[in-house]
Amino acid sequence: MDDPKLGELVPAELMKKFLEEIEMARELLPAFDRARFLDGSMTPIWFGSAINSFGVKDLMEGIGEYGPEPQPQTAAERQIDAGETPVTGFVFKVQANMDPKHRDRVAFVRLASGHFERGMKLTHVRTKKQMAVSNPVLFLAADRELAEEAWAGDIIGIPNHGQLRIGDALTEGETLRFTGIPSFAPELLQNVRAMDPMKAKHLEKALMQFAEEGAAKVFKPMIGSGYIVGVVGALQFDVLASRIEQEYSLPVRFEGSNFSSARWLSGEKAEIEKLVNVNKGHIAHDSDGDLVFLTRLQWDIDRVVRDYPAVKLTATKEMMV
């Protein structure tokens, strides 16, 4: 603000307006308070342009300076403190085909505790198998580099061939199931068909891949063939169709579905079985094999709540495996 070059580069009228607006912002807006930022009651704003790389460095430095330290993570068994020595972490995102030249698949792991070093052998809790993490990757935008080490709070990418799924835990031997990774029920459902009926198996493979990524929810109805795809925004159908065609050379079309939303089933086993037997036209399995109730109207949900009080319909599912 005190740089004399500012006056040389900015026209006088614009400079006057700029100084007035800066003064108004300084007088009317509260001073930055890190404690309020950390409790979620204040939002700092950085001005810049990502496409021109202007202000990006300031934003990243601000996040590093003001952002919170790694927080304790909750597992079904106990709470994991960031300062613990053993390495623990969980998969919160899976991305396939990041490199179009290779069918790569990267699981993004958030380290909850410990000092990770490249080449470490970690236990994949879901399968109870050890895996050597020999090529962990750190990402910055489109750039990637080998991660020689990482600490609690860091995010590393682990290339794999489908072993790792969202919600999976990696530890140095302890059996942990991390909680707080929700999967949300979609509110837009459409049927999907391969343009070439002979490529139905290829379509199934592609859909399962996107379901594992969390890019969409995929449901297999109990009655009939084909799949129903669920998303939270209509544009996602276009994105999925484009990705399936580009990454799998498989043109597809999305068509309207009789159903408008989905709810996961839980509760007493006998009551769930009774509900399923009476409502097979509404029942499907998700990509994990869990039972889902497909709804047309709110009336469908109200009917289940009324007739099957021991059954719960939930709009979220905990990704804890």
Protein backbone atom coordinates (compact mmCIF):
# COMPACT_ATOMS: atom_id res chain seq x y z
CA MET A 1 0.00 0.00 0.00
CA ASP A 2 2.92 2.39 0.68
CA ASP A 3 4.81 1.48 -2.49
CA PRO A 4 5.19 4.66 -4.61
CA LYS A 5 5.01 2.53 -7.75
CA LEU A 6 1.34 1.92 -7.03
CA GLY A 7 0.56 5.54 -7.90
CA GLU A 8 2.58 5.29 -11.11
CA LEU A 9 0.83 2.15 -12.33
CA VAL A 10 -2.78 2.87 -11.29
CA PRO A 11 -4.75 5.80 -12.82
CA ALA A 12 -5.54 8.59 -10.33
CA GLU A 13 -9.34 8.12 -10.32
CA LEU A 14 -9.02 4.38 -9.86
CA MET A 15 -6.40 4.90 -7.16
CA LYS A 16 -8.72 7.23 -5.26
CA LYS A 17 -11.59 4.74 -5.42
CA PHE A 18 -9.25 1.91 -4.39
CA LEU A 19 -7.99 3.78 -1.31
CA GLU A 20 -11.55 4.66 -0.27
CA GLU A 21 -12.68 1.05 -0.54
CA ILE A 22 -9.63 -0.22 1.34
CA GLU A 23 -10.30 2.28 4.13
CA MET A 24 -13.96 1.22 4.28
CA ALA A 25 -13.01 -2.47 4.45
CA ARG A 26 -10.51 -1.80 7.22
CA GLU A 27 -13.03 0.17 9.27
CA LEU A 28 -16.05 -2.08 8.79
CA LEU A 29 -14.59 -5.58 8.74
CA PRO A 30 -13.30 -7.18 11.95
CA ALA A 31 -9.57 -7.78 12.37
CA PHE A 32 -8.39 -11.31 11.72
CA ASP A 33 -8.60 -13.52 14.81
CA ARG A 34 -7.06 -16.99 14.47
CA ALA A 35 -9.06 -18.38 17.39
CA ARG A 36 -12.32 -17.34 15.70
CA PHE A 37 -11.07 -18.76 12.40
CA LEU A 38 -10.32 -22.11 14.06
CA ASP A 39 -13.73 -22.30 15.76
CA GLY A 40 -15.44 -21.63 12.42
CA SER A 41 -16.94 -18.22 13.22
CA MET A 42 -14.65 -16.16 10.95
CA THR A 43 -13.58 -16.67 7.33
CA PRO A 44 -10.46 -14.98 5.99
CA ILE A 45 -10.47 -14.09 2.29
CA TRP A 46 -7.50 -13.98 -0.05
CA PHE A 47 -7.83 -12.06 -3.30
CA GLY A 48 -6.12 -13.47 -6.37
CA SER A 49 -6.46 -15.30 -9.65
CA ALA A 50 -5.64 -19.00 -9.80
CA ILE A 51 -5.57 -19.03 -13.61
CA ASN A 52 -2.89 -16.30 -13.58
CA SER A 53 -1.09 -17.75 -10.53
CA PHE A 54 -1.59 -14.42 -8.78
CA GLY A 55 -2.06 -14.72 -5.02
CA VAL A 56 -1.73 -18.51 -4.99
CA LYS A 57 1.50 -18.39 -2.96
CA ASP A 58 -0.11 -16.05 -0.41
CA LEU A 59 -3.10 -18.37 -0.04
CA MET A 60 -0.91 -21.45 0.51
CA GLU A 61 1.31 -19.62 3.00
CA GLY A 62 -1.79 -18.37 4.84
CA ILE A 63 -3.23 -21.86 5.13
CA GLY A 64 0.12 -23.09 6.45
CA GLU A 65 0.42 -20.26 8.97
CA TYR A 66 -3.16 -20.01 10.22
CA GLY A 67 -4.56 -23.50 9.60
CA PRO A 68 -5.11 -25.90 12.50
CA GLU A 69 -2.56 -28.47 13.62
CA PRO A 70 -3.47 -32.10 12.88
CA GLN A 71 -6.47 -32.96 15.04
CA PRO A 72 -7.19 -36.27 16.82
CA GLN A 73 -9.00 -38.76 14.59
CA THR A 74 -11.82 -40.98 15.81
CA ALA A 75 -11.92 -44.72 15.21
CA ALA A 76 -14.53 -47.21 16.35
CA GLU A 77 -11.99 -48.66 18.78
CA ARG A 78 -10.46 -45.46 20.21
CA GLN A 79 -9.27 -41.94 19.45
CA ILE A 80 -5.94 -41.57 17.64
CA ASP A 81 -3.79 -38.62 18.66
CA ALA A 82 -1.61 -36.98 16.02
CA GLY A 83 1.42 -37.19 18.33
CA GLU A 84 1.37 -40.99 18.61
CA THR A 85 4.43 -42.84 17.29
CA PRO A 86 2.83 -45.68 15.27
CA VAL A 87 1.81 -44.77 11.72
CA THR A 88 -1.94 -44.82 11.08
CA GLY A 89 -3.98 -43.40 8.24
CA PHE A 90 -7.16 -43.79 6.21
CA VAL A 91 -8.20 -43.61 2.57
CA PHE A 92 -10.61 -40.72 1.95
CA LYS A 93 -10.49 -40.53 -1.85
CA VAL A 94 -9.71 -42.80 -4.78
CA GLN A 95 -8.99 -41.46 -8.26
CA ALA A 96 -8.57 -43.60 -11.37
CA ASN A 97 -6.95 -42.78 -14.69
CA MET A 98 -5.27 -39.58 -13.49
CA ASP A 99 -2.63 -40.24 -16.14
CA PRO A 100 -4.47 -40.90 -19.44
CA LYS A 101 -1.43 -42.79 -20.77
CA HIS A 102 -1.68 -45.37 -17.99
CA ARG A 103 -4.60 -47.03 -16.23
CA ASP A 104 -3.32 -45.77 -12.90
CA ARG A 105 -5.36 -45.76 -9.72
CA VAL A 106 -4.33 -43.68 -6.74
CA ALA A 107 -5.70 -43.90 -3.20
CA PHE A 108 -5.32 -40.67 -1.20
CA VAL A 109 -4.36 -41.45 2.40
CA ARG A 110 -4.59 -38.95 5.22
CA LEU A 111 -2.03 -39.80 7.91
CA ALA A 112 -3.56 -39.65 11.38
CA SER A 113 -0.38 -40.30 13.38
CA GLY A 114 3.27 -41.27 13.21
CA HIS A 115 6.22 -40.64 10.93
CA PHE A 116 5.81 -42.44 7.62
CA GLU A 117 8.87 -43.34 5.56
CA ARG A 118 8.90 -44.55 2.00
CA GLY A 119 9.12 -48.36 1.78
CA MET A 120 7.35 -48.98 5.09
CA LYS A 121 5.18 -52.08 5.39
CA LEU A 122 1.72 -51.23 6.63
CA THR A 123 -1.21 -53.48 7.49
CA HIS A 124 -4.27 -53.10 5.28
CA VAL A 125 -6.82 -53.59 8.06
CA ARG A 126 -9.77 -54.70 5.90
CA THR A 127 -7.85 -57.58 4.28
CA LYS A 128 -5.45 -58.09 7.22
CA LYS A 129 -2.59 -58.18 4.69
CA GLN A 130 0.66 -56.26 4.77
CA MET A 131 1.51 -53.96 1.88
CA ALA A 132 4.85 -52.32 1.15
CA VAL A 133 4.31 -48.66 0.29
CA SER A 134 7.25 -48.23 -2.06
CA ASN A 135 6.01 -45.46 -4.37
CA PRO A 136 4.02 -42.97 -2.27
CA VAL A 137 3.32 -39.70 -4.04
CA LEU A 138 2.90 -36.09 -2.95
CA PHE A 139 0.69 -33.89 -5.14
CA LEU A 140 0.70 -30.17 -5.86
CA ALA A 141 -1.89 -29.37 -8.54
CA ALA A 142 -0.85 -31.45 -11.58
CA ASP A 143 2.69 -32.04 -10.28
CA ARG A 144 3.61 -35.15 -8.36
CA GLU A 145 6.79 -36.30 -6.66
CA LEU A 146 7.88 -39.33 -4.64
CA ALA A 147 7.25 -38.88 -0.93
CA GLU A 148 10.31 -39.97 1.02
CA GLU A 149 8.55 -39.23 4.32
CA ALA A 150 5.31 -37.81 5.69
CA TRP A 151 3.84 -36.91 9.06
CA ALA A 152 0.44 -36.78 10.75
CA GLY A 153 -1.80 -34.41 8.81
CA ASP A 154 -0.05 -35.03 5.49
CA ILE A 155 -1.80 -36.57 2.50
CA ILE A 156 0.03 -39.11 0.35
CA GLY A 157 -1.11 -40.88 -2.78
CA ILE A 158 -0.60 -44.64 -2.99
CA PRO A 159 -0.77 -46.11 -6.52
CA ASN A 160 -2.57 -49.48 -6.39
CA HIS A 161 -4.61 -51.84 -8.55
CA GLY A 162 -7.89 -51.77 -6.67
CA GLN A 163 -6.84 -53.05 -3.25
CA LEU A 164 -7.59 -49.76 -1.47
CA ARG A 165 -11.11 -48.35 -1.08
CA ILE A 166 -12.55 -45.26 0.59
CA GLY A 167 -12.67 -45.84 4.35
CA ASP A 168 -9.80 -48.37 4.43
CA ALA A 169 -7.35 -48.06 7.32
CA LEU A 170 -3.58 -48.53 7.14
CA THR A 171 -1.66 -49.12 10.38
CA GLU A 172 1.51 -50.70 11.73
CA GLY A 173 -0.53 -53.67 12.94
CA GLU A 174 -3.34 -52.28 15.10
CA THR A 175 -6.89 -53.05 13.99
CA LEU A 176 -8.63 -49.70 13.56
CA ARG A 177 -11.79 -48.63 11.76
CA PHE A 178 -11.85 -44.89 11.22
CA THR A 179 -15.22 -43.16 11.52
CA GLY A 180 -16.50 -39.83 10.26
CA ILE A 181 -16.23 -40.58 6.52
CA PRO A 182 -19.87 -40.37 5.41
CA SER A 183 -21.35 -41.44 2.09
CA PHE A 184 -24.38 -39.34 1.17
CA ALA A 185 -27.50 -40.62 -0.55
CA PRO A 186 -27.93 -39.21 -4.07
CA GLU A 187 -31.01 -37.17 -4.91
CA LEU A 188 -30.87 -37.71 -8.69
CA LEU A 189 -31.19 -41.22 -10.13
CA GLN A 190 -30.99 -42.38 -13.75
CA ASN A 191 -30.72 -45.70 -15.57
CA VAL A 192 -27.56 -46.20 -17.60
CA ARG A 193 -27.23 -48.22 -20.80
CA ALA A 194 -24.27 -49.05 -23.04
CA MET A 195 -24.90 -48.02 -26.65
CA ASP A 196 -23.49 -51.42 -27.63
CA PRO A 197 -25.49 -54.11 -25.74
CA MET A 198 -22.56 -56.53 -26.17
CA LYS A 199 -20.44 -54.36 -23.86
CA ALA A 200 -22.58 -54.69 -20.75
CA LYS A 201 -19.68 -56.28 -18.83
CA HIS A 202 -17.39 -53.38 -19.77
CA LEU A 203 -20.02 -50.97 -18.47
CA GLU A 204 -20.26 -52.86 -15.18
CA LYS A 205 -16.49 -52.61 -14.72
CA ALA A 206 -16.51 -48.86 -15.44
CA LEU A 207 -19.41 -48.23 -13.06
CA MET A 208 -17.76 -50.17 -10.24
CA GLN A 209 -14.61 -48.12 -10.78
CA PHE A 210 -16.50 -44.84 -10.40
CA ALA A 211 -18.41 -46.17 -7.41
CA GLU A 212 -15.10 -46.99 -5.69
CA GLU A 213 -13.89 -43.45 -6.44
CA GLY A 214 -17.02 -42.03 -4.84
CA ALA A 215 -17.79 -40.19 -8.09
CA ALA A 216 -21.28 -41.69 -8.15
CA LYS A 217 -23.48 -44.20 -6.37
CA VAL A 218 -24.25 -47.36 -8.36
CA PHE A 219 -27.27 -49.52 -7.51
CA LYS A 220 -28.19 -52.98 -8.86
CA PRO A 221 -31.98 -53.42 -8.60
CA MET A 222 -33.20 -56.71 -7.16
CA ILE A 223 -35.66 -57.02 -10.06
CA GLY A 224 -34.61 -56.46 -13.67
CA SER A 225 -31.25 -56.00 -15.34
CA GLY A 226 -29.06 -52.97 -15.70
CA TYR A 227 -27.84 -50.43 -13.19
CA ILE A 228 -29.15 -47.22 -11.65
CA VAL A 229 -26.64 -44.41 -11.11
CA GLY A 230 -27.15 -41.78 -8.42
CA VAL A 231 -25.50 -38.35 -8.20
CA VAL A 232 -26.05 -35.08 -6.33
CA GLY A 233 -25.92 -32.75 -9.36
CA ALA A 234 -27.33 -33.17 -12.88
CA LEU A 235 -24.04 -32.13 -14.50
CA GLN A 236 -22.40 -35.23 -13.03
CA PHE A 237 -24.29 -37.43 -15.49
CA ASP A 238 -22.61 -35.59 -18.39
CA VAL A 239 -19.22 -35.86 -16.70
CA LEU A 240 -19.67 -39.60 -16.08
CA ALA A 241 -20.80 -40.24 -19.67
CA SER A 242 -17.77 -38.34 -20.97
CA ARG A 243 -15.33 -40.16 -18.67
CA ILE A 244 -16.76 -43.60 -19.50
CA GLU A 245 -16.42 -42.89 -23.22
CA GLN A 246 -12.91 -41.43 -22.95
CA GLU A 247 -11.44 -43.86 -20.43
CA TYR A 248 -13.21 -47.05 -21.50
CA SER A 249 -14.06 -46.33 -25.17
CA LEU A 250 -17.66 -47.05 -24.26
CA PRO A 251 -20.45 -44.65 -25.32
CA VAL A 252 -23.37 -44.74 -22.87
CA ARG A 253 -26.68 -43.01 -22.41
CA PHE A 254 -28.50 -42.05 -19.24
CA GLU A 255 -32.28 -42.41 -19.14
CA GLY A 256 -34.94 -41.32 -16.69
CA SER A 257 -35.59 -43.57 -13.72
CA ASN A 258 -38.84 -44.28 -11.88
CA PHE A 259 -37.01 -43.51 -8.64
CA SER A 260 -35.99 -40.15 -7.21
CA SER A 261 -33.81 -41.00 -4.22
CA ALA A 262 -32.24 -43.83 -2.22
CA ARG A 263 -32.03 -44.74 1.46
CA TRP A 264 -29.86 -47.35 3.18
CA LEU A 265 -31.60 -49.97 5.31
CA SER A 266 -30.61 -50.90 8.86
CA GLY A 267 -32.31 -52.30 11.94
CA GLU A 268 -33.75 -55.66 12.96
CA LYS A 269 -32.80 -58.36 10.47
CA ALA A 270 -36.19 -60.11 10.48
CA GLU A 271 -38.04 -56.84 9.84
CA ILE A 272 -35.65 -55.91 7.01
CA GLU A 273 -36.22 -59.31 5.39
CA LYS A 274 -39.99 -58.81 5.67
CA LEU A 275 -39.74 -55.35 4.08
CA VAL A 276 -37.54 -56.68 1.26
CA ASN A 277 -39.88 -59.58 0.46
CA VAL A 278 -42.90 -57.27 0.21
CA ASN A 279 -41.12 -54.43 -1.68
CA LYS A 280 -38.73 -56.17 -4.10
CA GLY A 281 -39.46 -53.58 -6.79
CA HIS A 282 -37.97 -50.89 -4.52
CA ILE A 283 -34.92 -52.84 -3.34
CA ALA A 284 -31.39 -52.65 -4.73
CA HIS A 285 -27.82 -53.34 -3.60
CA ASP A 286 -25.11 -50.67 -3.68
CA SER A 287 -21.57 -51.30 -4.88
CA ASP A 288 -20.62 -52.63 -1.41
CA GLY A 289 -23.52 -55.10 -1.42
CA ASP A 290 -25.54 -53.17 1.18
CA LEU A 291 -29.32 -53.04 0.91
CA VAL A 292 -30.90 -49.85 -0.41
CA PHE A 293 -34.55 -48.78 -0.57
CA LEU A 294 -35.28 -46.79 -3.76
CA THR A 295 -38.03 -44.21 -3.39
CA ARG A 296 -40.36 -42.52 -5.84
CA LEU A 297 -42.01 -40.07 -3.43
CA GLN A 298 -41.70 -38.99 0.18
CA TRP A 299 -44.81 -41.13 0.67
CA ASP A 300 -42.66 -44.26 0.11
CA ILE A 301 -40.41 -43.27 3.01
CA ASP A 302 -43.35 -42.36 5.24
CA ARG A 303 -44.96 -45.74 4.48
CA VAL A 304 -41.85 -47.69 5.52
CA VAL A 305 -41.49 -45.61 8.72
CA ARG A 306 -45.16 -46.34 9.53
CA ASP A 307 -45.28 -50.04 8.62
CA TYR A 308 -41.78 -51.11 9.70
CA PRO A 309 -40.87 -49.17 12.87
CA ALA A 310 -37.91 -51.50 13.59
CA VAL A 311 -36.28 -50.57 10.26
CA LYS A 312 -34.25 -47.38 9.80
CA LEU A 313 -33.92 -45.53 6.49
CA THR A 314 -30.79 -43.41 6.43
CA ALA A 315 -29.56 -40.81 3.94
CA THR A 316 -25.91 -41.37 4.92
CA LYS A 317 -23.73 -44.42 5.28
CA GLU A 318 -20.55 -44.54 7.30
CA MET A 319 -17.62 -45.54 5.06
CA MET A 320 -16.07 -47.72 7.77
CA VAL A 321 -14.63 -50.99 6.52
